[in-house]
Amino acid sequence: MGDVVLFWHRRDLRTADNVGLAAARQRSAKVVGVFCLDPNILERDDLAPARVTYMIGSLRSLQVRHEEAGGSLLILKSDPRQAIPALAAALKAQAVFFNLDVEPYAKERDRAVIEALQAAGIAVSTHWDQLLHSPLEIKANAGQPYTVYGPFWRNWISKPKAVPVEALQKVERLTELEQAAAQSAGAIALPTPPELGFSWDNSLVIEPGESAAQERLDKFCHHAISEYQQQRDFPDVNGTSQLSAALKFGVIGVREVWAATTAALADSRSDEVQASIQTWQQELAWREFYQHALYHFPELATGPYRDELKEFPWTDNEDYFQAWCEGRTGYPIVDAAMRQMKTIGWMHNRCRMIVASFLTKDLLINGRRGEKYFMQHLIDGDLSANNGGWQWSTSSGMDPKPLRIFNPATQAKKFDPEAEYIRHWLPELSSIDTEALISGNIPLEERAAVGYPAPIVNHNQQQRIFKELYQQQKQR
C-alpha cells in the first residue's frame, strides 16, 4: 500500500491534463482528491446560482472520474485553512498537492494552508495549471509585469506551450479505516445547490463536467472556430466556444485546449480559417493577460487601475441602475442583453461590452456596481476576466486608448442588423420595424402599446457629459 497523498482541487475540476494531480500520482498511487466548499466564498454576496449549480454538477462528474481511476473525491464544507490540514493529519498524508491561483483571497488562503501543513510536518507541492504561462514567466525587458496587452501577446505567443499531461489512472482506494478517519475529519456527501442556499430553476446553458467540456471543445474546433473571426461579434449566431465556464472552473485543461487549436490550425486550408483560429488563440492570451494583471496588481479587484477614474464623480442614480439590471432602459440592444443574462446566466461577449459601456458612459454609474451584478448572475463569472472586461469598458483599466464609448444604435446596426437577437430576448417588440429596433427610435405610442419604456437618457447628451468629466479628472 502506498503513502496517502492529498490532491486539493480548486479551479481544476478534472482528472485529465491536471498538472498538480499528475505530479501527485507520480509521488504515490494512493492519491485522494478533496474539494472544500469554502464558507468564505459561499457566503459572499456576488455568487450566481447558475455558477454554483454548474460547479456542483462538475464536482459530481469529478467524483465519477476519480472512482473510474480507482480512487475517490472527498468533500469538505469548512474553512480550508483548518479543514485541509485536519484532513491531511487524519489520513496521515505524506503530502498535499494543489495548483496555484491568482486571486487575492486564494493567495492569502493558500499561504495559511501551507504554513499549517508545514508546521504539522506535512510536505506541500504547488504547481501552475490554469495558465499556459504563469505570471512569473511573462515579463517585460526590465523584469516588470506587462500593463498593455499588445507587448504581452507578442511575448506570450513567442514562447513554446506545454503539452497536456497524463490523466489520472490506477489509483489505490482508501481503506475502511481511512474512510472513517476522513469522515471524522469532516468529509461529507456532496450537497445539492439548494442545500447550499442556491436555487437555479432554469436548465444550464452550458452542461457541467469534464466530458461535456471536451465534447464542446471538439465540436468548436471542428466547426465554429474556422469562422470565429467573422462570427464572434454577432450575438444571434452561435459563433463562440462557450468554454468560459469550463475554463473558469478548470473543467478542461488549458493545455488540452491549446493542443486542439493548434491541431485545427495544422488542418486549416485557407488564410481566412488560419486567421480565425489565431484570433481565438488571442482570446486565450487575453484571459491570461487579465490573470497576470490581477496576480501582480491585486488592488484591481477593489478599484480602478487608472488614477483619473479613482475619484470619478459617478452619479449612481438608483432608478437608472435598477432599470439597467432589469432590462428596461428603453435601449433595445442593452435590454435584450440584460434579459439574456438574467434568464440563462450567460451573455454574449459583444453585449457585455455594450451594456458595460452604457452603464458607465450613458448612465454615469460606477462600473464596480455592474461588475458585481455580473458576478451575481453569470455562469462563467470569473474575477480576473470580469474585472478586466469592466475596467476596459469603464476606461479605468490597462488600455493604451482608454476613452471608448459604445453607441448602442451603432452596435446594434453592425452586430444585430436584422434585430433577431433583440426580438428573441424582447418578444414584446417582435412586431416593431427592424430599423426602429436597431436605432432605438421607436415612437412613444408604439412603446406604450407593448409596455416598453421610453429611453431613460439621451445617449449623445450623456456621452458629452462623460467626456467632459473624464477630461476634468485627467487635468486634476
Protein backbone atom coordinates (compact mmCIF):
# COMPACT_ATOMS: atom_id res chain seq x y z
CA MET A 1 0.00 0.00 0.00
CA GLY A 2 1.31 3.43 -0.94
CA ASP A 3 1.55 6.53 1.19
CA VAL A 4 -1.57 8.72 1.23
CA VAL A 5 -1.18 11.88 -0.81
CA LEU A 6 -3.95 14.51 -0.94
CA PHE A 7 -4.74 16.50 -4.04
CA TRP A 8 -6.73 19.61 -3.22
CA HIS A 9 -8.97 20.52 -6.18
CA ARG A 10 -9.97 24.15 -6.55
CA ARG A 11 -10.15 25.62 -10.07
CA ASP A 12 -9.19 22.32 -11.70
CA LEU A 13 -12.27 20.10 -11.55
CA ARG A 14 -10.92 17.38 -13.85
CA THR A 15 -8.61 14.37 -13.82
CA ALA A 16 -7.13 14.83 -17.32
CA ASP A 17 -4.41 17.38 -18.13
CA ASN A 18 -4.10 18.42 -14.49
CA VAL A 19 -0.50 19.36 -13.66
CA GLY A 20 -0.72 19.10 -9.88
CA LEU A 21 -2.81 15.93 -9.92
CA ALA A 22 -0.39 14.24 -12.35
CA ALA A 23 2.51 15.19 -10.05
CA ALA A 24 0.65 13.77 -7.05
CA ARG A 25 0.10 10.49 -8.89
CA GLN A 26 3.82 10.31 -9.65
CA ARG A 27 4.50 10.68 -5.93
CA SER A 28 2.11 7.91 -4.87
CA ALA A 29 -0.54 5.54 -6.18
CA LYS A 30 -2.75 6.44 -3.24
CA VAL A 31 -3.92 9.85 -4.39
CA VAL A 32 -7.03 11.14 -2.63
CA GLY A 33 -8.90 14.02 -4.22
CA VAL A 34 -10.51 16.62 -1.98
CA PHE A 35 -12.67 19.67 -2.63
CA CYS A 36 -13.50 22.15 0.11
CA LEU A 37 -16.75 24.11 -0.03
CA ASP A 38 -15.40 27.31 1.46
CA PRO A 39 -17.81 29.43 3.55
CA ASN A 40 -15.58 32.45 2.87
CA ILE A 41 -16.62 32.14 -0.79
CA LEU A 42 -20.11 30.65 -0.48
CA GLU A 43 -21.26 33.39 1.89
CA ARG A 44 -20.20 36.24 -0.39
CA ASP A 45 -22.96 38.34 -1.94
CA ASP A 46 -21.68 38.06 -5.51
CA LEU A 47 -22.28 34.36 -6.27
CA ALA A 48 -24.55 33.38 -9.14
CA PRO A 49 -26.92 30.44 -8.56
CA ALA A 50 -26.22 29.26 -12.12
CA ARG A 51 -22.48 29.23 -11.41
CA VAL A 52 -22.85 27.27 -8.16
CA THR A 53 -25.13 24.81 -9.97
CA TYR A 54 -22.53 24.36 -12.71
CA MET A 55 -19.82 23.84 -10.08
CA ILE A 56 -21.80 21.18 -8.20
CA GLY A 57 -22.57 19.39 -11.46
CA SER A 58 -18.89 19.44 -12.34
CA LEU A 59 -17.99 18.08 -8.89
CA ARG A 60 -20.40 15.18 -9.44
CA SER A 61 -18.62 14.46 -12.70
CA LEU A 62 -15.26 14.74 -10.95
CA GLN A 63 -16.30 12.21 -8.31
CA VAL A 64 -17.13 9.73 -11.08
CA ARG A 65 -13.76 10.37 -12.76
CA HIS A 66 -11.88 9.69 -9.52
CA GLU A 67 -13.86 6.49 -8.98
CA GLU A 68 -13.17 5.34 -12.54
CA ALA A 69 -9.46 5.80 -11.82
CA GLY A 70 -9.85 3.65 -8.71
CA GLY A 71 -9.84 6.43 -6.12
CA SER A 72 -12.26 8.88 -4.58
CA LEU A 73 -13.04 12.58 -4.17
CA LEU A 74 -13.74 13.74 -0.63
CA ILE A 75 -15.95 16.76 0.02
CA LEU A 76 -15.42 19.14 2.93
CA LYS A 77 -17.54 22.13 3.93
CA SER A 78 -15.43 24.29 6.20
CA ASP A 79 -12.70 26.91 6.15
CA PRO A 80 -9.88 25.22 4.18
CA ARG A 81 -7.26 26.90 6.35
CA GLN A 82 -8.25 24.49 9.10
CA ALA A 83 -10.05 21.74 7.13
CA ILE A 84 -7.26 20.77 4.72
CA PRO A 85 -4.54 20.38 7.40
CA ALA A 86 -7.02 18.50 9.64
CA LEU A 87 -7.92 16.04 6.87
CA ALA A 88 -4.27 15.55 5.95
CA ALA A 89 -3.43 14.79 9.57
CA ALA A 90 -6.38 12.40 9.97
CA LEU A 91 -5.32 10.42 6.90
CA LYS A 92 -1.63 10.58 7.87
CA ALA A 93 -0.97 12.09 4.44
CA GLN A 94 2.67 12.40 3.45
CA ALA A 95 2.00 15.41 1.21
CA VAL A 96 -0.66 17.77 -0.07
CA PHE A 97 -0.54 18.86 -3.73
CA PHE A 98 -2.50 21.70 -5.28
CA ASN A 99 -2.47 24.14 -8.18
CA LEU A 100 -1.92 27.85 -7.57
CA ASP A 101 -4.37 30.67 -8.20
CA VAL A 102 -4.05 34.39 -8.98
CA GLU A 103 -6.90 35.84 -6.91
CA PRO A 104 -6.08 37.86 -3.77
CA TYR A 105 -8.18 35.76 -1.39
CA ALA A 106 -6.83 32.50 -2.83
CA LYS A 107 -3.23 33.64 -2.39
CA GLU A 108 -3.83 34.59 1.26
CA ARG A 109 -5.73 31.35 1.95
CA ASP A 110 -3.01 29.23 0.34
CA ARG A 111 -0.27 30.86 2.40
CA ALA A 112 -2.17 29.99 5.58
CA VAL A 113 -2.74 26.37 4.48
CA ILE A 114 0.92 25.92 3.52
CA GLU A 115 2.08 27.27 6.88
CA ALA A 116 -0.29 24.97 8.79
CA LEU A 117 0.75 21.90 6.79
CA GLN A 118 4.45 22.63 7.16
CA ALA A 119 4.02 23.18 10.89
CA ALA A 120 2.49 19.71 11.08
CA GLY A 121 5.40 18.20 9.17
CA ILE A 122 3.34 17.53 6.02
CA ALA A 123 5.01 18.26 2.70
CA VAL A 124 3.40 20.72 0.28
CA SER A 125 3.78 20.70 -3.51
CA THR A 126 2.29 23.56 -5.54
CA HIS A 127 2.03 23.92 -9.30
CA TRP A 128 0.78 26.29 -12.01
CA ASP A 129 -2.01 24.68 -14.02
CA GLN A 130 -4.75 27.09 -15.10
CA LEU A 131 -2.43 29.11 -17.36
CA LEU A 132 -0.19 28.24 -20.29
CA HIS A 133 2.37 30.61 -18.77
CA SER A 134 2.49 31.54 -15.10
CA PRO A 135 2.59 35.20 -14.02
CA LEU A 136 6.29 34.75 -13.27
CA GLU A 137 7.13 33.68 -16.83
CA ILE A 138 5.95 36.62 -18.92
CA LYS A 139 7.78 39.83 -18.04
CA ALA A 140 8.84 42.97 -19.88
CA ASN A 141 12.52 43.70 -20.52
CA ALA A 142 13.06 45.33 -17.14
CA GLY A 143 11.50 42.35 -15.39
CA GLN A 144 8.27 44.23 -14.74
CA PRO A 145 4.79 42.83 -15.46
CA TYR A 146 3.06 43.98 -18.63
CA THR A 147 0.29 46.54 -18.37
CA VAL A 148 -0.54 46.62 -22.12
CA TYR A 149 -1.91 43.61 -23.98
CA GLY A 150 -0.06 44.05 -27.31
CA PRO A 151 3.51 43.59 -25.99
CA PHE A 152 2.24 40.88 -23.63
CA TRP A 153 0.75 38.96 -26.55
CA ARG A 154 3.94 39.17 -28.62
CA ASN A 155 6.00 37.79 -25.73
CA TRP A 156 3.37 35.21 -24.77
CA ILE A 157 2.90 33.76 -28.28
CA SER A 158 6.66 33.54 -28.84
CA LYS A 159 7.08 31.02 -26.03
CA PRO A 160 6.61 27.25 -26.51
CA LYS A 161 3.42 25.85 -24.99
CA ALA A 162 3.35 22.80 -22.73
CA VAL A 163 1.55 19.66 -23.91
CA PRO A 164 -1.30 18.05 -21.95
CA VAL A 165 -0.25 15.89 -19.01
CA GLU A 166 -1.39 12.32 -18.41
CA ALA A 167 -4.84 11.67 -16.95
CA LEU A 168 -5.24 10.13 -13.52
CA GLN A 169 -5.36 6.31 -13.54
CA LYS A 170 -4.67 3.19 -11.45
CA VAL A 171 -5.22 4.78 -8.05
CA GLU A 172 -5.44 2.83 -4.77
CA ARG A 173 -8.59 3.23 -2.69
CA LEU A 174 -8.72 4.29 0.92
CA THR A 175 -9.19 1.51 3.45
CA GLU A 176 -12.39 1.40 5.51
CA LEU A 177 -10.39 2.69 8.47
CA GLU A 178 -9.10 5.62 6.42
CA GLN A 179 -12.59 6.37 5.10
CA ALA A 180 -13.84 6.53 8.69
CA ALA A 181 -10.95 8.83 9.60
CA ALA A 182 -11.87 11.10 6.70
CA GLN A 183 -15.49 11.30 7.87
CA SER A 184 -14.38 12.11 11.39
CA ALA A 185 -12.30 14.93 9.90
CA GLY A 186 -15.35 16.41 8.18
CA ALA A 187 -15.82 14.55 4.88
CA ILE A 188 -19.47 14.75 3.76
CA ALA A 189 -21.69 13.76 0.85
CA LEU A 190 -21.73 16.28 -1.96
CA PRO A 191 -24.61 18.70 -1.20
CA THR A 192 -27.06 19.99 -3.78
CA PRO A 193 -27.12 23.70 -4.71
CA PRO A 194 -30.38 24.28 -2.73
CA GLU A 195 -28.74 22.68 0.31
CA LEU A 196 -26.05 25.34 -0.04
CA GLY A 197 -28.69 28.06 -0.37
CA PHE A 198 -28.62 28.45 -4.17
CA SER A 199 -31.55 27.73 -6.45
CA TRP A 200 -31.33 27.83 -10.26
CA ASP A 201 -34.69 26.89 -11.74
CA ASN A 202 -33.70 27.07 -15.42
CA SER A 203 -31.67 24.49 -17.29
CA LEU A 204 -27.95 25.20 -17.56
CA VAL A 205 -27.00 26.74 -20.90
CA ILE A 206 -23.59 25.07 -20.53
CA GLU A 207 -23.52 21.42 -19.43
CA PRO A 208 -21.20 20.81 -16.47
CA GLY A 209 -18.46 18.23 -16.25
CA GLU A 210 -15.23 17.19 -17.91
CA SER A 211 -16.77 15.04 -20.66
CA ALA A 212 -19.20 17.78 -21.69
CA ALA A 213 -16.36 20.34 -21.88
CA GLN A 214 -14.24 18.01 -24.00
CA GLU A 215 -17.16 17.43 -26.36
CA ARG A 216 -17.76 21.19 -26.62
CA LEU A 217 -14.08 21.81 -27.38
CA ASP A 218 -14.05 19.09 -30.05
CA LYS A 219 -17.19 20.42 -31.71
CA PHE A 220 -15.94 24.01 -31.66
CA CYS A 221 -12.54 23.11 -33.14
CA HIS A 222 -14.17 21.12 -35.94
CA HIS A 223 -16.76 23.75 -36.84
CA ALA A 224 -17.23 27.25 -35.43
CA ILE A 225 -13.55 28.06 -34.87
CA SER A 226 -12.99 28.22 -38.64
CA GLU A 227 -15.41 31.17 -38.86
CA TYR A 228 -14.74 32.62 -35.43
CA GLN A 229 -13.25 35.87 -36.68
CA GLN A 230 -16.30 36.59 -38.84
CA GLN A 231 -18.99 35.33 -36.45
CA ARG A 232 -17.76 36.04 -32.92
CA ASP A 233 -19.32 39.52 -32.60
CA PHE A 234 -22.86 38.58 -33.67
CA PRO A 235 -24.90 37.70 -30.58
CA ASP A 236 -27.62 35.91 -32.53
CA VAL A 237 -25.07 33.50 -34.06
CA ASN A 238 -23.67 30.52 -32.14
CA GLY A 239 -20.14 31.52 -33.10
CA THR A 240 -18.26 31.36 -29.81
CA SER A 241 -16.80 28.37 -27.96
CA GLN A 242 -18.80 28.83 -24.73
CA LEU A 243 -15.86 27.26 -22.91
CA SER A 244 -15.54 30.16 -20.45
CA ALA A 245 -17.29 28.35 -17.58
CA ALA A 246 -15.20 25.23 -18.17
CA LEU A 247 -12.01 27.29 -18.13
CA LYS A 248 -13.12 29.25 -15.06
CA PHE A 249 -13.56 26.04 -13.04
CA GLY A 250 -10.78 24.18 -14.82
CA VAL A 251 -13.22 21.53 -16.02
CA ILE A 252 -10.96 21.33 -19.05
CA GLY A 253 -7.19 21.80 -19.14
CA VAL A 254 -5.80 24.83 -20.93
CA ARG A 255 -3.02 22.71 -22.48
CA GLU A 256 -5.68 20.41 -23.93
CA VAL A 257 -7.50 23.45 -25.31
CA TRP A 258 -4.32 24.85 -26.84
CA ALA A 259 -3.44 21.48 -28.39
CA ALA A 260 -6.88 21.30 -30.00
CA THR A 261 -6.48 24.76 -31.54
CA THR A 262 -3.01 24.00 -32.89
CA ALA A 263 -4.35 20.77 -34.42
CA ALA A 264 -7.14 22.78 -36.06
CA LEU A 265 -4.55 25.26 -37.30
CA ALA A 266 -2.50 22.45 -38.83
CA ASP A 267 -5.61 21.14 -40.62
CA SER A 268 -6.69 24.55 -41.92
CA ARG A 269 -6.68 25.08 -45.67
CA SER A 270 -7.09 28.84 -46.07
CA ASP A 271 -5.71 32.10 -44.75
CA GLU A 272 -9.17 33.06 -43.52
CA VAL A 273 -9.51 29.90 -41.38
CA GLN A 274 -6.00 30.34 -40.01
CA ALA A 275 -6.78 33.95 -39.09
CA SER A 276 -9.96 32.83 -37.27
CA ILE A 277 -8.11 30.22 -35.24
CA GLN A 278 -5.35 32.66 -34.35
CA THR A 279 -7.97 35.22 -33.30
CA TRP A 280 -9.43 32.70 -30.86
CA GLN A 281 -5.94 31.87 -29.58
CA GLN A 282 -5.58 35.58 -28.83
CA GLU A 283 -8.67 35.29 -26.63
CA LEU A 284 -6.80 32.70 -24.55
CA ALA A 285 -3.96 35.20 -24.28
CA TRP A 286 -6.40 37.91 -23.14
CA ARG A 287 -7.59 35.51 -20.42
CA GLU A 288 -4.01 35.06 -19.27
CA PHE A 289 -3.23 38.78 -19.52
CA TYR A 290 -6.07 39.58 -17.11
CA GLN A 291 -5.00 36.81 -14.72
CA HIS A 292 -1.39 38.03 -14.76
CA ALA A 293 -2.62 41.59 -14.14
CA LEU A 294 -4.66 40.51 -11.11
CA TYR A 295 -1.74 38.49 -9.74
CA HIS A 296 0.69 41.42 -9.99
CA PHE A 297 -1.84 44.17 -9.17
CA PRO A 298 -4.29 42.68 -6.64
CA GLU A 299 -5.68 46.15 -5.99
CA LEU A 300 -7.52 45.82 -9.34
CA ALA A 301 -10.09 43.69 -7.51
CA THR A 302 -11.22 46.68 -5.48
CA GLY A 303 -10.75 49.72 -7.70
CA PRO A 304 -9.61 51.35 -10.95
CA TYR A 305 -6.12 50.96 -12.37
CA ARG A 306 -6.09 54.50 -13.83
CA ASP A 307 -5.75 57.42 -11.42
CA GLU A 308 -8.20 59.62 -13.33
CA LEU A 309 -11.03 57.17 -12.56
CA LYS A 310 -10.27 56.68 -8.87
CA GLU A 311 -12.21 59.79 -7.82
CA PHE A 312 -14.60 59.98 -10.76
CA PRO A 313 -17.86 61.77 -9.85
CA TRP A 314 -20.31 58.97 -10.68
CA THR A 315 -23.97 59.87 -10.21
CA ASP A 316 -25.06 56.35 -9.18
CA ASN A 317 -28.74 57.05 -9.85
CA GLU A 318 -30.52 54.09 -8.22
CA ASP A 319 -33.52 54.19 -10.55
CA TYR A 320 -31.21 54.09 -13.56
CA PHE A 321 -29.26 51.20 -12.09
CA GLN A 322 -32.40 49.15 -11.46
CA ALA A 323 -33.65 49.87 -14.98
CA TRP A 324 -30.31 48.63 -16.34
CA CYS A 325 -30.42 45.47 -14.18
CA GLU A 326 -33.98 44.65 -15.23
CA GLY A 327 -33.54 45.36 -18.95
CA ARG A 328 -35.87 48.34 -19.17
CA THR A 329 -33.60 51.23 -20.17
CA GLY A 330 -35.53 51.81 -23.40
CA TYR A 331 -32.46 50.88 -25.49
CA PRO A 332 -33.36 47.54 -27.14
CA ILE A 333 -29.86 46.07 -27.59
CA VAL A 334 -28.98 46.89 -23.98
CA ASP A 335 -32.22 45.49 -22.59
CA ALA A 336 -32.02 42.32 -24.70
CA ALA A 337 -28.55 41.59 -23.36
CA MET A 338 -29.50 42.17 -19.74
CA ARG A 339 -32.53 39.92 -20.09
CA GLN A 340 -30.39 37.23 -21.69
CA MET A 341 -28.09 37.19 -18.68
CA LYS A 342 -30.91 37.19 -16.16
CA THR A 343 -32.70 34.34 -17.99
CA ILE A 344 -29.86 31.93 -18.83
CA GLY A 345 -26.94 33.14 -16.71
CA TRP A 346 -24.80 33.96 -19.74
CA MET A 347 -24.33 36.92 -22.07
CA HIS A 348 -22.56 37.22 -25.41
CA ASN A 349 -19.21 38.98 -25.06
CA ARG A 350 -20.03 41.76 -27.55
CA CYS A 351 -23.13 42.52 -25.49
CA ARG A 352 -21.12 42.53 -22.26
CA MET A 353 -19.10 45.41 -23.69
CA ILE A 354 -22.23 47.24 -24.90
CA VAL A 355 -24.06 47.09 -21.56
CA ALA A 356 -20.92 47.93 -19.55
CA SER A 357 -20.29 51.00 -21.69
CA PHE A 358 -23.92 52.01 -21.35
CA LEU A 359 -23.93 51.72 -17.55
CA THR A 360 -20.79 53.80 -17.15
CA LYS A 361 -20.77 56.21 -20.11
CA ASP A 362 -24.52 56.76 -20.54
CA LEU A 363 -25.89 56.30 -17.02
CA LEU A 364 -22.71 57.57 -15.29
CA ILE A 365 -22.86 54.74 -12.76
CA ASN A 366 -19.73 53.28 -11.20
CA GLY A 367 -18.70 50.18 -13.12
CA ARG A 368 -17.94 48.41 -9.84
CA ARG A 369 -21.70 48.02 -9.37
CA GLY A 370 -22.11 46.46 -12.80
CA GLU A 371 -19.09 44.23 -12.25
CA LYS A 372 -20.69 42.85 -9.08
CA TYR A 373 -24.09 42.42 -10.75
CA PHE A 374 -22.45 40.36 -13.49
CA MET A 375 -20.81 38.12 -10.87
CA GLN A 376 -24.22 37.64 -9.24
CA HIS A 377 -25.65 36.22 -12.47
CA LEU A 378 -23.01 34.78 -14.82
CA ILE A 379 -22.41 31.04 -15.04
CA ASP A 380 -18.83 31.84 -16.13
CA GLY A 381 -18.25 34.71 -13.70
CA ASP A 382 -14.51 34.92 -13.08
CA LEU A 383 -12.86 37.66 -11.05
CA SER A 384 -9.92 38.40 -13.37
CA ALA A 385 -11.84 38.19 -16.66
CA ASN A 386 -14.88 40.07 -15.36
CA ASN A 387 -12.77 42.74 -13.69
CA GLY A 388 -10.56 43.12 -16.76
CA GLY A 389 -13.56 43.49 -19.05
CA TRP A 390 -15.24 46.04 -16.82
CA GLN A 391 -12.05 48.06 -16.34
CA TRP A 392 -11.63 48.12 -20.14
CA SER A 393 -15.24 49.20 -20.68
CA THR A 394 -15.12 51.80 -17.91
CA SER A 395 -11.90 53.38 -19.26
CA SER A 396 -10.25 52.63 -15.92
CA GLY A 397 -8.03 49.71 -16.89
CA MET A 398 -4.87 48.73 -18.74
CA ASP A 399 -5.72 50.12 -22.16
CA PRO A 400 -3.46 52.43 -24.22
CA LYS A 401 -6.60 54.07 -25.68
CA PRO A 402 -8.94 54.06 -22.70
CA LEU A 403 -11.64 56.51 -23.79
CA ARG A 404 -14.05 54.23 -25.64
CA ILE A 405 -17.79 54.84 -25.78
CA PHE A 406 -20.16 52.40 -27.48
CA ASN A 407 -23.19 53.84 -29.26
CA PRO A 408 -26.00 51.30 -28.73
CA ALA A 409 -27.59 52.06 -32.11
CA THR A 410 -24.29 51.74 -33.98
CA GLN A 411 -23.52 48.48 -32.21
CA ALA A 412 -26.96 47.04 -32.97
CA LYS A 413 -26.75 48.08 -36.64
CA LYS A 414 -23.37 46.42 -37.04
CA PHE A 415 -23.84 43.26 -34.98
CA ASP A 416 -27.61 42.61 -34.94
CA PRO A 417 -28.60 44.04 -38.35
CA GLU A 418 -31.88 42.12 -38.60
CA ALA A 419 -32.69 42.66 -34.90
CA GLU A 420 -33.02 38.89 -34.43
CA TYR A 421 -31.20 38.96 -31.10
CA ILE A 422 -33.31 41.89 -29.89
CA ARG A 423 -36.57 40.19 -30.89
CA HIS A 424 -35.56 36.93 -29.23
CA TRP A 425 -34.96 38.49 -25.82
CA LEU A 426 -37.56 41.27 -26.11
CA PRO A 427 -40.51 39.35 -27.61
CA GLU A 428 -42.88 42.22 -26.84
CA LEU A 429 -41.06 44.16 -29.59
CA SER A 430 -41.35 41.41 -32.22
CA SER A 431 -43.79 43.42 -34.35
CA ILE A 432 -41.72 46.63 -34.31
CA ASP A 433 -39.95 47.68 -37.51
CA THR A 434 -36.36 46.40 -37.74
CA GLU A 435 -34.83 49.81 -38.36
CA ALA A 436 -36.64 51.23 -35.34
CA LEU A 437 -35.42 48.35 -33.16
CA ILE A 438 -31.82 48.82 -34.22
CA SER A 439 -31.77 52.60 -33.95
CA GLY A 440 -33.91 52.66 -30.83
CA ASN A 441 -36.10 55.29 -32.47
CA ILE A 442 -39.38 53.60 -31.59
CA PRO A 443 -42.31 56.03 -31.42
CA LEU A 444 -43.55 56.59 -27.89
CA GLU A 445 -47.06 55.40 -28.75
CA GLU A 446 -45.67 52.09 -30.07
CA ARG A 447 -43.61 51.67 -26.92
CA ALA A 448 -46.66 52.35 -24.77
CA ALA A 449 -48.77 49.89 -26.75
CA VAL A 450 -46.43 46.99 -25.94
CA GLY A 451 -45.41 48.18 -22.47
CA TYR A 452 -41.83 49.05 -23.41
CA PRO A 453 -40.30 52.10 -21.69
CA ALA A 454 -39.03 55.28 -23.27
CA PRO A 455 -35.23 55.78 -23.25
CA ILE A 456 -34.20 56.79 -19.74
CA VAL A 457 -31.35 59.02 -21.03
CA ASN A 458 -30.18 60.65 -24.26
CA HIS A 459 -27.03 58.89 -25.48
CA ASN A 460 -25.49 61.88 -27.27
CA GLN A 461 -26.05 64.16 -24.31
CA GLN A 462 -24.69 61.65 -21.80
CA GLN A 463 -21.53 60.89 -23.74
CA ARG A 464 -20.73 64.61 -23.88
CA ILE A 465 -21.13 64.82 -20.11
CA PHE A 466 -18.91 61.78 -19.57
CA LYS A 467 -16.17 63.14 -21.84
CA GLU A 468 -16.20 66.48 -20.01
CA LEU A 469 -15.96 64.78 -16.61
CA TYR A 470 -13.23 62.47 -17.86
CA GLN A 471 -11.11 65.36 -19.15
CA GLN A 472 -11.61 67.24 -15.89
CA GLN A 473 -10.33 64.23 -13.96
CA LYS A 474 -7.31 63.87 -16.21
CA GLN A 475 -6.35 67.51 -15.61
CA ARG A 476 -6.54 67.27 -11.82
